[in-house]
C-alpha atoms as a PDB file:
ATOM      1  CA  MET A   1     -14.264 125.142 -29.503  1.00  0.00           C
ATOM      2  CA  GLY A   2     -13.832 123.353 -26.126  1.00  0.00           C
ATOM      3  CA  ILE A   3     -15.188 124.480 -22.724  1.00  0.00           C
ATOM      4  CA  GLN A   4     -11.745 125.433 -21.521  1.00  0.00           C
ATOM      5  CA  GLU A   5     -10.963 127.443 -24.583  1.00  0.00           C
ATOM      6  CA  ARG A   6     -14.326 129.287 -24.404  1.00  0.00           C
ATOM      7  CA  LYS A   7     -13.775 130.122 -20.857  1.00  0.00           C
ATOM      8  CA  GLU A   8     -10.440 131.634 -21.728  1.00  0.00           C
ATOM      9  CA  ARG A   9     -11.849 133.546 -24.648  1.00  0.00           C
ATOM     10  CA  GLU A  10     -14.653 134.999 -22.378  1.00  0.00           C
ATOM     11  CA  LYS A  11     -12.089 135.948 -19.778  1.00  0.00           C
ATOM     12  CA  ALA A  12      -9.958 137.779 -22.182  1.00  0.00           C
ATOM     13  CA  GLU A  13     -13.053 139.617 -23.572  1.00  0.00           C
ATOM     14  CA  MET A  14     -14.112 140.602 -20.150  1.00  0.00           C
ATOM     15  CA  ARG A  15     -10.570 141.917 -19.302  1.00  0.00           C
ATOM     16  CA  GLU A  16     -10.585 143.876 -22.482  1.00  0.00           C
ATOM     17  CA  LYS A  17     -14.032 145.303 -21.739  1.00  0.00           C
ATOM     18  CA  ILE A  18     -12.883 146.478 -18.385  1.00  0.00           C
ATOM     19  CA  LEU A  19      -9.673 147.959 -19.847  1.00  0.00           C
ATOM     20  CA  GLN A  20     -11.696 149.785 -22.484  1.00  0.00           C
ATOM     21  CA  ALA A  21     -14.067 151.169 -19.936  1.00  0.00           C
ATOM     22  CA  ALA A  22     -11.092 152.428 -17.789  1.00  0.00           C
ATOM     23  CA  ILE A  23      -9.590 154.230 -20.903  1.00  0.00           C
ATOM     24  CA  GLU A  24     -13.015 155.995 -21.561  1.00  0.00           C
ATOM     25  CA  ILE A  25     -13.189 157.123 -17.797  1.00  0.00           C
ATOM     26  CA  MET A  26      -9.544 158.268 -18.022  1.00  0.00           C
ATOM     27  CA  ARG A  27     -10.215 160.193 -21.354  1.00  0.00           C
ATOM     28  CA  ASN A  28     -13.457 161.883 -20.014  1.00  0.00           C
ATOM     29  CA  GLU A  29     -12.555 162.487 -16.400  1.00  0.00           C
ATOM     30  CA  GLY A  30      -8.878 161.990 -15.780  1.00  0.00           C
ATOM     31  CA  ILE A  31      -6.880 159.276 -14.073  1.00  0.00           C
ATOM     32  CA  GLU A  32      -7.665 160.408 -10.544  1.00  0.00           C
ATOM     33  CA  LYS A  33     -11.345 159.811 -11.237  1.00  0.00           C
ATOM     34  CA  LEU A  34     -10.800 156.161 -12.031  1.00  0.00           C
ATOM     35  CA  SER A  35     -11.943 153.712  -9.480  1.00  0.00           C
ATOM     36  CA  ILE A  36     -13.154 150.105  -9.258  1.00  0.00           C
ATOM     37  CA  ARG A  37     -16.605 151.347  -8.293  1.00  0.00           C
ATOM     38  CA  LYS A  38     -16.792 153.460 -11.116  1.00  0.00           C
ATOM     39  CA  LEU A  39     -15.643 150.830 -13.547  1.00  0.00           C
ATOM     40  CA  ALA A  40     -18.126 148.484 -12.135  1.00  0.00           C
ATOM     41  CA  GLU A  41     -21.007 150.860 -12.715  1.00  0.00           C
ATOM     42  CA  LYS A  42     -19.885 151.567 -16.230  1.00  0.00           C
ATOM     43  CA  ILE A  43     -19.826 147.909 -17.296  1.00  0.00           C
ATOM     44  CA  GLU A  44     -22.838 147.123 -15.147  1.00  0.00           C
ATOM     45  CA  TYR A  45     -21.096 144.500 -13.136  1.00  0.00           C
ATOM     46  CA  SER A  46     -20.314 144.377  -9.372  1.00  0.00           C
ATOM     47  CA  PRO A  47     -16.868 145.541  -7.883  1.00  0.00           C
ATOM     48  CA  ALA A  48     -16.167 142.018  -7.080  1.00  0.00           C
ATOM     49  CA  ASN A  49     -16.420 140.992 -10.668  1.00  0.00           C
ATOM     50  CA  VAL A  50     -13.685 143.583 -11.685  1.00  0.00           C
ATOM     51  CA  TYR A  51     -11.577 142.269  -8.774  1.00  0.00           C
ATOM     52  CA  HIS A  52     -11.739 138.822 -10.245  1.00  0.00           C
ATOM     53  CA  TYR A  53      -9.789 140.116 -13.297  1.00  0.00           C
ATOM     54  CA  PHE A  54      -7.588 142.782 -11.853  1.00  0.00           C
ATOM     55  CA  ARG A  55      -6.025 143.191  -8.378  1.00  0.00           C
ATOM     56  CA  ASP A  56      -6.935 146.925  -8.083  1.00  0.00           C
ATOM     57  CA  LYS A  57      -6.875 150.169  -9.978  1.00  0.00           C
ATOM     58  CA  GLU A  58      -3.133 150.268 -10.175  1.00  0.00           C
ATOM     59  CA  ASP A  59      -3.043 146.881 -11.881  1.00  0.00           C
ATOM     60  CA  ILE A  60      -5.664 148.197 -14.504  1.00  0.00           C
ATOM     61  CA  LEU A  61      -3.477 151.141 -14.993  1.00  0.00           C
ATOM     62  CA  ASP A  62      -0.305 149.012 -15.406  1.00  0.00           C
ATOM     63  CA  HIS A  63      -1.895 146.960 -18.167  1.00  0.00           C
ATOM     64  CA  ILE A  64      -3.105 149.937 -20.261  1.00  0.00           C
ATOM     65  CA  ILE A  65       0.356 151.792 -19.722  1.00  0.00           C
ATOM     66  CA  SER A  66       2.232 148.586 -20.583  1.00  0.00           C
ATOM     67  CA  ASP A  67       0.394 148.299 -23.866  1.00  0.00           C
ATOM     68  CA  ARG A  68       0.957 151.958 -24.693  1.00  0.00           C
ATOM     69  CA  TYR A  69       4.661 151.876 -23.619  1.00  0.00           C
ATOM     70  CA  GLN A  70       5.239 148.783 -25.903  1.00  0.00           C
ATOM     71  CA  GLN A  71       3.983 150.730 -28.764  1.00  0.00           C
ATOM     72  CA  PHE A  72       6.492 153.474 -28.137  1.00  0.00           C
ATOM     73  CA  ILE A  73       9.270 150.913 -27.762  1.00  0.00           C
ATOM     74  CA  ASP A  74       8.432 149.334 -31.041  1.00  0.00           C
ATOM     75  CA  ALA A  75       8.559 152.905 -32.556  1.00  0.00           C
ATOM     76  CA  LEU A  76      11.944 153.518 -31.236  1.00  0.00           C
ATOM     77  CA  SER A  77      13.307 149.998 -32.193  1.00  0.00           C
ATOM     78  CA  ALA A  78      11.924 149.872 -35.849  1.00  0.00           C
ATOM     79  CA  PRO A  79      14.322 148.291 -38.326  1.00  0.00           C
ATOM     80  CA  ASP A  80      16.869 150.559 -39.936  1.00  0.00           C
ATOM     81  CA  CYS A  81      15.607 151.450 -43.405  1.00  0.00           C
ATOM     82  CA  HIS A  82      18.233 153.957 -44.127  1.00  0.00           C
ATOM     83  CA  GLY A  83      21.250 151.815 -44.314  1.00  0.00           C
ATOM     84  CA  ASN A  84      23.964 152.281 -41.818  1.00  0.00           C
ATOM     85  CA  ASP A  85      23.567 156.005 -40.961  1.00  0.00           C
ATOM     86  CA  PRO A  86      22.849 156.063 -37.178  1.00  0.00           C
ATOM     87  CA  VAL A  87      21.689 159.736 -37.270  1.00  0.00           C
ATOM     88  CA  GLU A  88      19.061 158.795 -39.877  1.00  0.00           C
ATOM     89  CA  TYR A  89      18.051 155.944 -37.764  1.00  0.00           C
ATOM     90  CA  LEU A  90      17.668 158.118 -34.740  1.00  0.00           C
ATOM     91  CA  LEU A  91      15.721 160.886 -36.609  1.00  0.00           C
ATOM     92  CA  ASN A  92      13.381 158.365 -38.226  1.00  0.00           C
ATOM     93  CA  ASN A  93      12.672 156.501 -35.057  1.00  0.00           C
ATOM     94  CA  LEU A  94      11.976 159.932 -33.228  1.00  0.00           C
ATOM     95  CA  ARG A  95       9.515 160.791 -36.052  1.00  0.00           C
ATOM     96  CA  ARG A  96       7.855 157.451 -35.629  1.00  0.00           C
ATOM     97  CA  PHE A  97       7.557 158.112 -31.901  1.00  0.00           C
ATOM     98  CA  ILE A  98       6.212 161.586 -32.393  1.00  0.00           C
ATOM     99  CA  THR A  99       3.593 160.354 -34.961  1.00  0.00           C
ATOM    100  CA  LEU A 100       2.425 157.695 -32.731  1.00  0.00           C
ATOM    101  CA  ALA A 101       2.126 160.113 -29.683  1.00  0.00           C
ATOM    102  CA  LEU A 102       0.036 162.412 -31.880  1.00  0.00           C
ATOM    103  CA  THR A 103      -2.218 159.711 -32.988  1.00  0.00           C
ATOM    104  CA  MET A 104      -2.976 158.890 -29.374  1.00  0.00           C
ATOM    105  CA  GLU A 105      -3.788 162.441 -28.566  1.00  0.00           C
ATOM    106  CA  GLU A 106      -5.827 162.653 -25.262  1.00  0.00           C
ATOM    107  CA  ASP A 107      -4.558 159.154 -24.281  1.00  0.00           C
ATOM    108  CA  TYR A 108      -1.047 160.330 -24.579  1.00  0.00           C
ATOM    109  CA  LYS A 109      -1.559 163.475 -22.654  1.00  0.00           C
ATOM    110  CA  THR A 110      -3.607 161.610 -19.910  1.00  0.00           C
ATOM    111  CA  LEU A 111      -1.068 158.875 -19.425  1.00  0.00           C
ATOM    112  CA  MET A 112       2.072 160.982 -19.643  1.00  0.00           C
ATOM    113  CA  LEU A 113       0.882 163.644 -17.198  1.00  0.00           C
ATOM    114  CA  GLY A 114      -0.483 161.140 -14.641  1.00  0.00           C
ATOM    115  CA  GLU A 115       0.916 161.076 -11.168  1.00  0.00           C
ATOM    116  CA  SER A 116      -0.209 157.498 -10.232  1.00  0.00           C
ATOM    117  CA  PRO A 117       2.601 155.211  -8.965  1.00  0.00           C
ATOM    118  CA  ALA A 118       1.720 152.865 -11.810  1.00  0.00           C
ATOM    119  CA  VAL A 119       1.953 155.779 -14.321  1.00  0.00           C
ATOM    120  CA  LEU A 120       5.221 157.181 -12.907  1.00  0.00           C
ATOM    121  CA  ALA A 121       6.752 153.597 -12.946  1.00  0.00           C
ATOM    122  CA  ARG A 122       6.661 153.596 -16.627  1.00  0.00           C
ATOM    123  CA  THR A 123       6.927 157.352 -17.595  1.00  0.00           C
ATOM    124  CA  SER A 124       9.598 158.912 -15.195  1.00  0.00           C
ATOM    125  CA  VAL A 125      12.611 159.035 -17.355  1.00  0.00           C
ATOM    126  CA  LEU A 126      14.704 162.059 -16.096  1.00  0.00           C
ATOM    127  CA  GLN A 127      16.136 160.398 -12.863  1.00  0.00           C
ATOM    128  CA  ARG A 128      19.884 159.310 -12.781  1.00  0.00           C
ATOM    129  CA  GLY A 129      20.311 155.752 -14.101  1.00  0.00           C
ATOM    130  CA  ALA A 130      17.056 155.971 -16.219  1.00  0.00           C
ATOM    131  CA  ALA A 131      18.821 154.442 -19.249  1.00  0.00           C
ATOM    132  CA  SER A 132      19.199 151.195 -17.236  1.00  0.00           C
ATOM    133  CA  ASP A 133      15.556 151.358 -15.843  1.00  0.00           C
ATOM    134  CA  ARG A 134      13.529 152.620 -18.862  1.00  0.00           C
ATOM    135  CA  ARG A 135      13.969 150.979 -22.278  1.00  0.00           C
ATOM    136  CA  ALA A 136      13.052 153.980 -24.322  1.00  0.00           C
ATOM    137  CA  ILE A 137      15.866 156.180 -22.726  1.00  0.00           C
ATOM    138  CA  GLY A 138      18.298 153.129 -22.860  1.00  0.00           C
ATOM    139  CA  MET A 139      17.668 152.532 -26.530  1.00  0.00           C
ATOM    140  CA  MET A 140      17.979 156.237 -27.303  1.00  0.00           C
ATOM    141  CA  ARG A 141      21.285 156.251 -25.333  1.00  0.00           C
ATOM    142  CA  ASP A 142      22.496 153.119 -27.255  1.00  0.00           C
ATOM    143  CA  ILE A 143      21.893 154.922 -30.551  1.00  0.00           C
ATOM    144  CA  LEU A 144      23.723 158.132 -29.331  1.00  0.00           C
ATOM    145  CA  ARG A 145      26.628 155.835 -28.319  1.00  0.00           C
ATOM    146  CA  VAL A 146      27.024 154.758 -31.856  1.00  0.00           C
ATOM    147  CA  ILE A 147      26.807 158.290 -33.139  1.00  0.00           C
ATOM    148  CA  LEU A 148      29.227 159.608 -30.733  1.00  0.00           C
ATOM    149  CA  LYS A 149      31.629 156.574 -30.519  1.00  0.00           C
ATOM    150  CA  ASP A 150      34.636 158.591 -31.837  1.00  0.00           C
ATOM    151  CA  ARG A 151      34.043 161.688 -29.697  1.00  0.00           C
ATOM    152  CA  ALA A 152      36.428 161.742 -26.843  1.00  0.00           C
ATOM    153  CA  GLY A 153      35.280 162.176 -23.287  1.00  0.00           C
ATOM    154  CA  TYR A 154      31.512 161.486 -23.961  1.00  0.00           C
ATOM    155  CA  ASP A 155      30.876 158.779 -21.332  1.00  0.00           C
ATOM    156  CA  ASP A 156      27.548 156.940 -20.669  1.00  0.00           C
ATOM    157  CA  SER A 157      26.271 159.462 -17.998  1.00  0.00           C
ATOM    158  CA  GLN A 158      26.563 162.154 -20.603  1.00  0.00           C
ATOM    159  CA  LEU A 159      24.887 159.957 -23.178  1.00  0.00           C
ATOM    160  CA  GLU A 160      22.081 159.398 -20.801  1.00  0.00           C
ATOM    161  CA  LEU A 161      21.704 163.077 -20.186  1.00  0.00           C
ATOM    162  CA  THR A 162      21.650 163.722 -23.837  1.00  0.00           C
ATOM    163  CA  ALA A 163      18.920 161.069 -24.304  1.00  0.00           C
ATOM    164  CA  GLN A 164      16.756 162.545 -21.501  1.00  0.00           C
ATOM    165  CA  ILE A 165      16.992 166.107 -22.918  1.00  0.00           C
ATOM    166  CA  ILE A 166      15.980 164.876 -26.431  1.00  0.00           C
ATOM    167  CA  TRP A 167      13.086 162.894 -24.941  1.00  0.00           C
ATOM    168  CA  ALA A 168      12.012 165.883 -22.691  1.00  0.00           C
ATOM    169  CA  SER A 169      12.087 168.125 -25.707  1.00  0.00           C
ATOM    170  CA  MET A 170       9.981 165.743 -27.882  1.00  0.00           C
ATOM    171  CA  PHE A 171       7.615 165.234 -25.026  1.00  0.00           C
ATOM    172  CA  GLY A 172       7.122 169.037 -24.961  1.00  0.00           C
ATOM    173  CA  LEU A 173       6.628 169.380 -28.586  1.00  0.00           C
ATOM    174  CA  VAL A 174       4.032 166.563 -28.703  1.00  0.00           C
ATOM    175  CA  MET A 175       2.081 168.003 -25.708  1.00  0.00           C
ATOM    176  CA  ARG A 176       2.027 171.571 -27.105  1.00  0.00           C
ATOM    177  CA  ILE A 177       0.799 170.331 -30.545  1.00  0.00           C
ATOM    178  CA  ASN A 178      -1.912 168.272 -28.872  1.00  0.00           C
ATOM    179  CA  THR A 179      -2.834 171.198 -26.512  1.00  0.00           C
ATOM    180  CA  GLU A 180      -2.845 173.952 -29.001  1.00  0.00           C
ATOM    181  CA  GLN A 181      -4.529 171.719 -31.915  1.00  0.00           C
ATOM    182  CA  ILE A 182      -1.916 172.886 -34.480  1.00  0.00           C
ATOM    183  CA  ASP A 183      -2.867 172.393 -38.114  1.00  0.00           C
ATOM    184  CA  LYS A 184      -1.225 169.599 -40.025  1.00  0.00           C
ATOM    185  CA  GLU A 185       1.117 171.822 -42.111  1.00  0.00           C
ATOM    186  CA  GLN A 186       2.405 173.609 -38.939  1.00  0.00           C
ATOM    187  CA  GLN A 187       2.817 170.201 -37.250  1.00  0.00           C
ATOM    188  CA  GLU A 188       4.933 169.037 -39.956  1.00  0.00           C
ATOM    189  CA  ARG A 189       7.055 172.093 -40.001  1.00  0.00           C
ATOM    190  CA  LEU A 190       7.620 171.937 -36.359  1.00  0.00           C
ATOM    191  CA  ILE A 191       8.502 168.291 -36.423  1.00  0.00           C
ATOM    192  CA  ARG A 192      10.810 168.713 -39.444  1.00  0.00           C
ATOM    193  CA  HIS A 193      12.604 171.562 -37.636  1.00  0.00           C
ATOM    194  CA  PHE A 194      12.810 169.534 -34.345  1.00  0.00           C
ATOM    195  CA  LEU A 195      14.548 166.729 -36.157  1.00  0.00           C
ATOM    196  CA  GLU A 196      16.943 169.141 -38.003  1.00  0.00           C
ATOM    197  CA  PHE A 197      17.786 170.678 -34.851  1.00  0.00           C
ATOM    198  CA  ILE A 198      18.578 167.371 -33.151  1.00  0.00           C
ATOM    199  CA  ALA A 199      20.537 166.173 -36.142  1.00  0.00           C
ATOM    200  CA  ALA A 200      22.729 169.538 -35.822  1.00  0.00           C
ATOM    201  CA  ALA A 201      22.961 169.151 -32.103  1.00  0.00           C
ATOM    202  CA  VAL A 202      24.395 165.609 -32.042  1.00  0.00           C
ATOM    203  CA  GLY A 203      26.693 166.653 -34.940  1.00  0.00           C
ATOM    204  CA  THR A 204      28.324 169.351 -32.789  1.00  0.00           C
ATOM    205  CA  LEU A 205      28.648 167.339 -29.448  1.00  0.00           C
END
């Protein structure tokens, strides 16, 4: 391995070390307690070293959230394994999203409830026009457009609102399951009923 390659590897390893330390602080103390000084103490480096790899706390948060957000995008854009039925496609992607969110547990709660500008820049999805700015809502709107293509009078603004309500309901379900520590059997009953409810709802719009 050449000198330049070794330097790049060491840089990547240090960035990952800082990000993992930030995640641990966020899990244990909350986003509001995350600071460059606290990160430096945790990894036993000076604050100047941390600034060498990241501009500031918001830059660190943005990297963490970008990684998690991409995982959710991947869940919502998984290949259609159920033929050409758009409702089944929507339901299976929603299930993948819920499963991923439940796997993240405290990380999901910490990030999705954060009020930092870096967090809200990725997670705020209820404002007008969100389908254009937030890929998750935009993708859900596009699936709904296919499902409701033959329904008269259902325009893009209504499709966006429907996507936002589905997302907000799904978010609430995940948060309560995580908060209440629901057992696996009840989790599955709740998730299955949620998906059946969504299927029935889009079928009557």
